Amino acid sequence: MIIRNFRSWISVLIVAACCAVSSTGAESRAPQGVAPGVEKPMRIAPRPDNGRNSEGDFIQLKDGRLLLVYTKFIGTDDHAPAELVSRYSEDGGMTWSEEDVPVLSRKSDETNLMSVSLLRLQDGRIALFYAQKYASPPGSNYSQMDHILMRTSADEAATWSEPTYVVPQDQSGYRVLNNDRVVQLKSGRLVVPLAVHYLPGWPGWRNSAQILCYLSDDQGRTWRQSTSTLESKSLVQEPGVVELKNDKLLMFCRSDKCQRVSHSTDGGETWSALEQSDIAQPSASPASIERIASTGDLLLVWNNGDDPLAAIEPIGRRPFTAAISKDEGVTWQQVQNIGTDPQGWYCYTAIEFVGDHVVLGHCEYPRLNSLQITRFPISWLYQSGEAAEPVEKELHTTAGKPTEGPLDVFLGQPFFAMQVARFNLP
């Protein structure tokens, strides 16, 4: 989603020219490369005066319904006018309402509203986090600024409170909070992972962002910045956080060739230096990691490059891959492709566990312009892999660094997923 160099722009123009489709075509084109056992119950495709639908999140309501809130754009650009709307499912994500229900509309002085995170707080309320963008003042070296906002609902998303500023209102900048990223720790602390791409006084946009967190210990009434601010000479963007069973936090960041990771032992106050992980991928794309409540394992969803087209021409975000970890992210197993559409741009994935199923909301086709709902049994993650092509190679870590193997060569030849991938744990 974040593209700021010439080669990337050329790739985007070429792909756009080759893959452009009408809104009717996007809606009528059946999902491609769907693994056996995986369902595709809904695609919200572009429509007239609605060029893109993406970046959503789910929350389960007390009456049993599943609520989806997502960003409905007029155009297709990240800074196109957009508002937040919703859909509902009464059967665990198998079927969905067909009409958009307004949630929040942008005001005349706002560019758009996007990147929703929904969270059931420990006090029972629902929290809604999102980015509110606005045009930068004269003299700025980037066109947009944004506020990271939180609203709460005490009536199951029927109404919302006035917004609370996660980052103080007077601290201008352009910060990215991905969808489905905010977490509440067992301690009750809220953690909002952010990528800072522009601050007043900077010469321009920084493609490799400053990575930090905002923390709240009073259910979101007040916020403070983490002590650590992480930077890397390599690309880092779009961080996410998951709490481990030993109370440590694992942070994972979009980067080139792989996800980069950091750890915190004090609830997100301080973080270790960013390190390369062995979660390999052919192009920079965000990953998602959440805990499977029914099994206690971690679920990783990302683009691992396990198809020849993705390896030879890494301009898309494919395939759509899942893996599980039984040891708190030390190793990843049961690597299986959920989707292998040659034109798939699988990314910005929201994860929800509903009964004995996983429900995903993500981009897929065309490019980032449709919101696709994907659904499959949790047991699918633990199958032998026969239906989803068994994994053929391993990637090991020795002395904290990957051994020479797939991660070093996958951009030049077909790349196979790893049977076991290891984080470089401190």
Protein backbone atom coordinates (compact mmCIF):
# COMPACT_ATOMS: atom_id res chain seq x y z
CA MET A 1 0.00 0.00 0.00
CA ILE A 2 2.89 2.39 0.75
CA ILE A 3 4.88 3.07 -2.42
CA ARG A 4 7.38 5.88 -2.59
CA ASN A 5 10.10 5.10 -5.18
CA PHE A 6 10.32 5.31 -8.93
CA ARG A 7 10.64 1.60 -9.68
CA SER A 8 7.64 0.82 -7.55
CA TRP A 9 5.58 3.47 -9.30
CA ILE A 10 6.55 2.02 -12.69
CA SER A 11 5.49 -1.44 -11.50
CA VAL A 12 2.19 -0.05 -10.28
CA LEU A 13 1.49 1.66 -13.60
CA ILE A 14 2.30 -1.49 -15.57
CA VAL A 15 0.16 -3.72 -13.39
CA ALA A 16 -2.67 -1.20 -13.37
CA ALA A 17 -2.66 -1.07 -17.16
CA CYS A 18 -2.64 -4.85 -17.46
CA CYS A 19 -5.07 -5.65 -14.67
CA ALA A 20 -7.60 -2.84 -14.87
CA VAL A 21 -11.14 -4.16 -14.59
CA SER A 22 -14.55 -2.63 -14.34
CA SER A 23 -16.46 -2.73 -11.10
CA THR A 24 -18.86 -5.20 -12.70
CA GLY A 25 -15.93 -7.40 -13.76
CA ALA A 26 -14.48 -7.42 -10.27
CA GLU A 27 -17.80 -8.44 -8.76
CA SER A 28 -18.55 -11.16 -11.30
CA ARG A 29 -15.07 -12.71 -11.47
CA ALA A 30 -15.11 -15.79 -9.28
CA PRO A 31 -12.25 -16.08 -6.75
CA GLN A 32 -9.26 -17.88 -8.26
CA GLY A 33 -6.81 -20.33 -6.69
CA VAL A 34 -8.96 -21.09 -3.64
CA ALA A 35 -7.64 -23.98 -1.52
CA PRO A 36 -10.02 -26.90 -0.88
CA GLY A 37 -11.99 -26.37 2.32
CA VAL A 38 -11.81 -22.57 2.08
CA GLU A 39 -14.98 -20.50 1.56
CA LYS A 40 -15.29 -17.05 -0.04
CA PRO A 41 -18.70 -15.83 1.19
CA MET A 42 -18.49 -12.14 0.22
CA ARG A 43 -16.53 -9.73 -1.93
CA ILE A 44 -17.26 -6.00 -1.66
CA ALA A 45 -16.04 -4.90 -5.08
CA PRO A 46 -15.71 -1.39 -6.53
CA ARG A 47 -18.97 0.21 -7.64
CA PRO A 48 -19.86 3.47 -9.38
CA ASP A 49 -18.44 6.34 -7.30
CA ASN A 50 -16.81 3.75 -5.03
CA GLY A 51 -13.39 2.81 -6.38
CA ARG A 52 -12.09 0.85 -3.41
CA ASN A 53 -13.24 -1.04 -0.32
CA SER A 54 -10.55 -2.18 2.10
CA GLU A 55 -8.88 -2.05 5.54
CA GLY A 56 -11.61 -3.43 7.79
CA ASP A 57 -11.98 -5.26 11.10
CA PHE A 58 -14.50 -7.46 12.92
CA ILE A 59 -16.12 -7.50 16.36
CA GLN A 60 -18.54 -10.08 17.76
CA LEU A 61 -21.61 -8.49 19.32
CA LYS A 62 -23.39 -9.79 22.40
CA ASP A 63 -26.47 -10.71 20.36
CA GLY A 64 -24.36 -13.15 18.34
CA ARG A 65 -23.92 -11.04 15.22
CA LEU A 66 -20.54 -10.42 13.63
CA LEU A 67 -19.93 -6.76 12.78
CA LEU A 68 -17.54 -5.71 10.02
CA VAL A 69 -16.45 -2.06 9.80
CA TYR A 70 -14.38 -1.08 6.76
CA THR A 71 -13.26 1.87 4.67
CA LYS A 72 -15.39 2.80 1.66
CA PHE A 73 -13.45 5.01 -0.75
CA ILE A 74 -14.67 7.18 -3.60
CA GLY A 75 -11.38 6.80 -5.49
CA THR A 76 -8.59 4.23 -5.16
CA ASP A 77 -5.71 6.22 -3.68
CA ASP A 78 -4.81 5.98 0.02
CA HIS A 79 -5.73 9.66 0.31
CA ALA A 80 -8.98 9.48 -1.67
CA PRO A 81 -12.15 10.59 0.15
CA ALA A 82 -13.44 7.76 2.32
CA GLU A 83 -15.78 6.99 5.21
CA LEU A 84 -16.38 4.11 7.60
CA VAL A 85 -19.33 1.79 6.93
CA SER A 86 -20.45 -1.59 8.23
CA ARG A 87 -21.94 -4.95 7.31
CA TYR A 88 -23.37 -7.69 9.55
CA SER A 89 -23.42 -11.48 9.63
CA GLU A 90 -25.88 -13.48 11.72
CA ASP A 91 -24.38 -16.89 11.00
CA GLY A 92 -20.70 -16.63 11.86
CA GLY A 93 -19.59 -15.07 8.59
CA MET A 94 -21.27 -17.48 6.17
CA THR A 95 -23.63 -14.81 4.81
CA TRP A 96 -23.58 -11.01 5.08
CA SER A 97 -25.94 -8.08 4.80
CA GLU A 98 -25.82 -6.43 1.38
CA GLU A 99 -26.21 -2.74 2.22
CA ASP A 100 -23.61 -0.48 3.78
CA VAL A 101 -24.61 1.03 7.11
CA PRO A 102 -22.86 4.38 7.82
CA VAL A 103 -20.60 4.39 10.89
CA LEU A 104 -18.56 7.61 10.59
CA SER A 105 -18.53 10.15 7.79
CA ARG A 106 -15.65 12.47 7.06
CA LYS A 107 -16.05 16.18 7.64
CA SER A 108 -15.34 18.83 5.00
CA ASP A 109 -11.85 19.53 6.38
CA GLU A 110 -10.88 15.84 6.51
CA THR A 111 -9.31 13.84 3.68
CA ASN A 112 -10.62 10.45 4.77
CA LEU A 113 -11.17 7.96 7.57
CA MET A 114 -9.50 4.55 7.32
CA SER A 115 -7.61 1.65 8.94
CA VAL A 116 -10.09 0.38 11.52
CA SER A 117 -9.24 -1.65 14.60
CA LEU A 118 -12.15 -2.96 16.71
CA LEU A 119 -11.52 -4.27 20.21
CA ARG A 120 -13.69 -5.58 23.04
CA LEU A 121 -12.29 -3.84 26.11
CA GLN A 122 -12.03 -5.61 29.43
CA ASP A 123 -14.76 -3.33 30.82
CA GLY A 124 -17.20 -4.61 28.17
CA ARG A 125 -17.25 -1.61 25.86
CA ILE A 126 -16.26 -1.79 22.21
CA ALA A 127 -13.34 0.40 21.11
CA LEU A 128 -13.00 1.73 17.56
CA PHE A 129 -9.58 2.97 16.46
CA TYR A 130 -8.94 4.65 13.09
CA ALA A 131 -6.87 7.24 11.23
CA GLN A 132 -8.39 10.61 10.38
CA LYS A 133 -6.40 12.27 7.59
CA TYR A 134 -6.28 15.93 6.66
CA ALA A 135 -4.35 18.12 4.23
CA SER A 136 -1.03 19.41 5.54
CA PRO A 137 -0.65 23.12 6.23
CA PRO A 138 1.39 25.30 3.82
CA GLY A 139 5.11 24.77 4.07
CA SER A 140 4.90 21.07 4.89
CA ASN A 141 7.04 18.59 3.00
CA TYR A 142 4.33 15.95 2.75
CA SER A 143 0.78 16.41 1.56
CA GLN A 144 -1.05 14.73 4.43
CA MET A 145 -1.19 14.66 8.22
CA ASP A 146 -3.39 12.45 10.35
CA HIS A 147 -4.83 11.91 13.81
CA ILE A 148 -5.00 8.48 15.42
CA LEU A 149 -8.36 8.39 17.16
CA MET A 150 -10.28 6.12 19.53
CA ARG A 151 -14.03 6.04 20.11
CA THR A 152 -15.96 3.71 22.38
CA SER A 153 -19.46 2.26 22.39
CA ALA A 154 -21.43 1.10 25.44
CA ASP A 155 -24.41 -0.05 23.34
CA GLU A 156 -22.86 -2.66 21.04
CA ALA A 157 -21.79 -0.25 18.27
CA ALA A 158 -25.18 1.46 17.95
CA THR A 159 -23.63 4.80 18.93
CA TRP A 160 -20.08 6.03 19.48
CA SER A 161 -18.47 8.46 21.92
CA GLU A 162 -16.61 11.58 20.90
CA PRO A 163 -13.04 10.77 19.84
CA THR A 164 -10.04 10.55 22.13
CA TYR A 165 -6.68 11.47 20.59
CA VAL A 166 -4.21 8.60 20.96
CA VAL A 167 -1.40 10.88 19.77
CA PRO A 168 -1.89 14.38 21.22
CA GLN A 169 -3.87 16.59 18.85
CA ASP A 170 -1.13 19.23 18.71
CA GLN A 171 1.59 16.74 17.70
CA SER A 172 1.19 16.86 13.93
CA GLY A 173 2.57 14.14 11.70
CA TYR A 174 1.70 11.30 9.36
CA ARG A 175 1.48 8.01 11.23
CA VAL A 176 0.21 4.65 9.99
CA LEU A 177 -1.91 2.40 12.18
CA ASN A 178 -2.88 -0.69 10.22
CA ASN A 179 -6.31 -2.24 10.53
CA ASP A 180 -6.84 -4.89 13.24
CA ARG A 181 -3.65 -3.91 15.08
CA VAL A 182 -4.63 -2.60 18.53
CA VAL A 183 -4.30 -5.10 21.39
CA GLN A 184 -5.22 -5.14 25.07
CA LEU A 185 -2.78 -7.07 27.25
CA LYS A 186 -3.73 -9.34 30.13
CA SER A 187 -2.69 -6.48 32.42
CA GLY A 188 -5.36 -4.28 30.81
CA ARG A 189 -2.82 -2.08 29.00
CA LEU A 190 -3.77 -0.98 25.49
CA VAL A 191 -0.98 -1.04 22.90
CA VAL A 192 -1.22 0.88 19.61
CA PRO A 193 1.73 0.12 17.26
CA LEU A 194 2.51 2.99 14.88
CA ALA A 195 4.81 3.72 11.95
CA VAL A 196 5.82 7.40 11.76
CA HIS A 197 6.52 8.45 8.17
CA TYR A 198 6.53 12.24 8.45
CA LEU A 199 6.88 14.87 11.14
CA PRO A 200 7.04 18.65 10.70
CA GLY A 201 10.62 19.68 9.97
CA TRP A 202 11.53 16.45 8.20
CA PRO A 203 12.71 16.99 4.58
CA GLY A 204 9.96 14.68 3.34
CA TRP A 205 8.34 11.28 3.61
CA ARG A 206 10.46 8.52 5.17
CA ASN A 207 9.79 5.20 3.49
CA SER A 208 11.46 3.35 6.35
CA ALA A 209 9.45 4.60 9.28
CA GLN A 210 10.11 5.26 12.92
CA ILE A 211 8.40 2.44 14.83
CA LEU A 212 6.88 3.08 18.26
CA CYS A 213 3.83 2.37 20.38
CA TYR A 214 1.28 4.41 22.29
CA LEU A 215 0.16 2.93 25.60
CA SER A 216 -2.83 3.39 27.89
CA ASP A 217 -3.36 1.93 31.35
CA ASP A 218 -6.81 3.47 31.95
CA GLN A 219 -8.98 1.92 29.21
CA GLY A 220 -7.95 4.56 26.66
CA ARG A 221 -8.71 7.74 28.60
CA THR A 222 -5.08 8.88 28.53
CA TRP A 223 -2.14 7.86 26.36
CA ARG A 224 1.66 8.09 26.38
CA GLN A 225 4.40 7.21 23.91
CA SER A 226 6.67 4.21 24.48
CA THR A 227 10.22 4.92 25.60
CA SER A 228 11.69 3.10 22.59
CA THR A 229 11.55 4.45 19.06
CA LEU A 230 12.93 1.93 16.57
CA GLU A 231 14.56 2.70 13.22
CA SER A 232 16.23 0.55 10.59
CA LYS A 233 18.39 1.14 7.53
CA SER A 234 16.30 -1.58 5.94
CA LEU A 235 12.64 -0.94 5.19
CA VAL A 236 10.30 -1.11 8.19
CA GLN A 237 6.62 -0.20 8.08
CA GLU A 238 3.18 -1.24 9.36
CA PRO A 239 3.99 -2.86 12.73
CA GLY A 240 1.79 -5.31 14.60
CA VAL A 241 2.00 -6.70 18.14
CA VAL A 242 0.97 -9.97 19.78
CA GLU A 243 1.23 -10.89 23.47
CA LEU A 244 3.05 -14.14 24.25
CA LYS A 245 2.23 -16.53 27.09
CA ASN A 246 5.33 -15.50 29.03
CA ASP A 247 4.03 -11.92 29.02
CA LYS A 248 6.60 -10.79 26.47
CA LEU A 249 5.39 -8.93 23.39
CA LEU A 250 6.38 -9.80 19.85
CA MET A 251 6.38 -6.97 17.30
CA PHE A 252 6.47 -7.76 13.58
CA CYS A 253 7.00 -5.18 10.83
CA ARG A 254 6.56 -5.11 7.08
CA SER A 255 9.95 -5.09 5.36
CA ASP A 256 11.63 -6.21 2.17
CA LYS A 257 12.32 -9.93 1.76
CA CYS A 258 11.02 -10.81 5.23
CA GLN A 259 9.23 -9.58 8.34
CA ARG A 260 11.45 -7.79 10.87
CA VAL A 261 10.81 -8.40 14.53
CA SER A 262 11.38 -6.88 17.97
CA HIS A 263 10.49 -7.93 21.52
CA SER A 264 9.39 -6.20 24.70
CA THR A 265 9.60 -7.56 28.24
CA ASP A 266 7.85 -4.59 29.91
CA GLY A 267 4.49 -4.32 28.18
CA GLY A 268 5.66 -2.23 25.25
CA GLU A 269 7.57 0.46 27.15
CA THR A 270 10.90 -0.56 25.63
CA TRP A 271 11.75 -2.71 22.62
CA SER A 272 14.76 -4.65 21.40
CA ALA A 273 16.47 -3.64 18.17
CA LEU A 274 14.67 -4.74 15.02
CA GLU A 275 16.02 -7.99 13.57
CA GLN A 276 15.52 -9.91 10.38
CA SER A 277 13.25 -12.91 10.80
CA ASP A 278 12.90 -15.98 8.62
CA ILE A 279 9.30 -15.17 7.71
CA ALA A 280 10.26 -14.68 4.09
CA GLN A 281 8.18 -12.96 1.42
CA PRO A 282 8.92 -11.81 -2.15
CA SER A 283 7.67 -8.24 -1.82
CA ALA A 284 7.10 -5.81 1.03
CA SER A 285 3.70 -6.62 2.50
CA PRO A 286 2.17 -6.64 5.99
CA ALA A 287 1.65 -9.81 7.99
CA SER A 288 -0.96 -10.56 10.66
CA ILE A 289 -0.47 -12.66 13.80
CA GLU A 290 -3.15 -13.50 16.37
CA ARG A 291 -3.72 -16.19 18.97
CA ILE A 292 -6.20 -18.99 18.27
CA ALA A 293 -8.30 -18.98 21.43
CA SER A 294 -9.48 -22.60 21.12
CA THR A 295 -5.99 -24.10 20.76
CA GLY A 296 -3.70 -21.49 22.30
CA ASP A 297 -1.45 -21.50 19.22
CA LEU A 298 -0.48 -18.46 17.16
CA LEU A 299 -1.78 -17.98 13.62
CA LEU A 300 0.37 -16.18 11.04
CA VAL A 301 -1.17 -14.96 7.77
CA TRP A 302 1.14 -13.40 5.14
CA ASN A 303 2.54 -13.69 1.59
CA ASN A 304 5.31 -16.30 1.61
CA GLY A 305 6.12 -16.35 -2.12
CA ASP A 306 5.44 -20.06 -2.51
CA ASP A 307 4.47 -19.93 -6.17
CA PRO A 308 6.67 -19.50 -9.24
CA LEU A 309 4.95 -16.33 -10.44
CA ALA A 310 5.42 -14.55 -7.12
CA ALA A 311 9.09 -15.53 -7.05
CA ILE A 312 9.87 -14.47 -10.61
CA GLU A 313 7.75 -11.31 -10.64
CA PRO A 314 7.39 -10.09 -7.04
CA ILE A 315 5.11 -7.13 -7.75
CA GLY A 316 1.95 -8.55 -6.26
CA ARG A 317 1.23 -9.78 -2.77
CA ARG A 318 0.78 -13.50 -3.17
CA PRO A 319 0.11 -16.23 -2.39
CA PHE A 320 -2.12 -16.00 0.68
CA THR A 321 -0.44 -18.22 3.27
CA ALA A 322 -1.14 -19.41 6.81
CA ALA A 323 1.10 -21.04 9.41
CA ILE A 324 0.72 -21.90 13.08
CA SER A 325 3.17 -21.79 15.99
CA LYS A 326 2.89 -24.10 18.99
CA ASP A 327 5.91 -22.55 20.74
CA GLU A 328 5.09 -18.82 20.90
CA GLY A 329 6.57 -17.87 17.56
CA VAL A 330 9.88 -19.70 17.85
CA THR A 331 8.91 -22.03 14.98
CA TRP A 332 6.12 -21.92 12.40
CA GLN A 333 4.57 -25.09 11.05
CA GLN A 334 1.67 -26.35 8.91
CA VAL A 335 2.51 -23.78 6.21
CA GLN A 336 -0.40 -23.82 3.74
CA ASN A 337 -1.58 -21.56 0.96
CA ILE A 338 -5.09 -20.23 1.46
CA GLY A 339 -5.20 -18.64 -2.01
CA THR A 340 -3.00 -18.63 -5.09
CA ASP A 341 -4.72 -16.25 -7.53
CA PRO A 342 -1.99 -15.14 -10.01
CA GLN A 343 -3.43 -11.62 -9.83
CA GLY A 344 -4.00 -11.74 -6.08
CA TRP A 345 -3.00 -8.86 -3.83
CA TYR A 346 -3.71 -10.59 -0.53
CA CYS A 347 -3.01 -8.16 2.30
CA TYR A 348 -4.32 -5.96 5.15
CA THR A 349 -5.87 -8.96 6.82
CA ALA A 350 -8.25 -8.79 9.77
CA ILE A 351 -8.53 -12.05 11.72
CA GLU A 352 -11.52 -13.16 13.79
CA PHE A 353 -12.18 -16.55 15.41
CA VAL A 354 -15.89 -17.31 15.36
CA GLY A 355 -16.86 -20.60 16.94
CA ASP A 356 -14.79 -23.30 15.23
CA HIS A 357 -13.98 -21.12 12.19
CA VAL A 358 -11.51 -18.46 11.15
CA VAL A 359 -12.97 -15.43 9.37
CA LEU A 360 -10.57 -13.17 7.44
CA GLY A 361 -11.25 -9.77 5.89
CA HIS A 362 -8.59 -8.70 3.40
CA CYS A 363 -7.74 -7.27 0.00
CA GLU A 364 -7.54 -9.80 -2.81
CA TYR A 365 -8.74 -8.75 -6.29
CA PRO A 366 -8.52 -6.42 -8.09
CA ARG A 367 -5.35 -5.25 -6.35
CA LEU A 368 -6.24 -3.36 -3.15
CA ASN A 369 -9.67 -2.31 -4.37
CA SER A 370 -11.97 -5.07 -3.05
CA LEU A 371 -12.61 -6.31 0.46
CA GLN A 372 -12.82 -10.09 0.42
CA ILE A 373 -14.21 -12.23 3.24
CA THR A 374 -12.55 -15.65 3.55
CA ARG A 375 -13.71 -18.37 5.95
CA PHE A 376 -12.50 -21.86 6.90
CA PRO A 377 -12.54 -24.23 9.89
CA ILE A 378 -9.79 -23.84 12.49
CA SER A 379 -9.15 -27.54 11.91
CA TRP A 380 -8.09 -26.66 8.34
CA LEU A 381 -4.96 -25.07 9.81
CA TYR A 382 -3.97 -28.39 11.36
CA GLN A 383 -4.62 -30.65 8.38
CA SER A 384 -1.83 -32.65 6.79
CA GLY A 385 -1.47 -30.14 3.98
CA GLU A 386 -2.25 -32.63 1.23
CA ALA A 387 -5.01 -30.48 -0.25
CA ALA A 388 -2.99 -27.30 0.04
CA GLU A 389 0.28 -28.76 -1.34
CA PRO A 390 2.64 -30.18 1.29
CA VAL A 391 5.62 -28.05 2.22
CA GLU A 392 8.88 -29.24 0.71
CA LYS A 393 11.78 -27.43 2.40
CA GLU A 394 12.98 -26.17 5.74
CA LEU A 395 14.63 -22.94 6.76
CA HIS A 396 16.73 -23.08 9.89
CA THR A 397 18.43 -20.48 12.00
CA THR A 398 22.00 -20.92 13.18
CA ALA A 399 23.70 -18.60 15.69
CA GLY A 400 20.95 -16.04 15.28
CA LYS A 401 21.29 -15.77 11.49
CA PRO A 402 19.55 -17.68 8.70
CA THR A 403 21.66 -20.33 7.05
CA GLU A 404 22.23 -19.86 3.34
CA GLY A 405 19.13 -21.10 1.65
CA PRO A 406 15.71 -20.02 0.36
CA LEU A 407 15.72 -16.56 1.97
CA ASP A 408 18.95 -15.67 0.14
CA VAL A 409 17.94 -16.91 -3.28
CA PHE A 410 14.16 -16.85 -3.57
CA LEU A 411 14.01 -13.64 -5.61
CA GLY A 412 15.92 -15.31 -8.44
CA GLN A 413 14.11 -18.63 -8.75
CA PRO A 414 10.94 -20.39 -7.67
CA PHE A 415 10.69 -20.38 -3.89
CA PHE A 416 9.16 -23.02 -1.66
CA ALA A 417 7.63 -22.37 1.72
CA MET A 418 9.47 -23.41 4.83
CA GLN A 419 8.33 -26.32 6.95
CA VAL A 420 9.78 -24.62 10.02
CA ALA A 421 10.71 -20.94 10.25
CA ARG A 422 12.45 -19.45 13.25
CA PHE A 423 12.48 -15.93 14.65
CA ASN A 424 15.89 -14.67 15.76
CA LEU A 425 14.80 -14.55 19.38
CA PRO A 426 16.99 -12.51 21.75
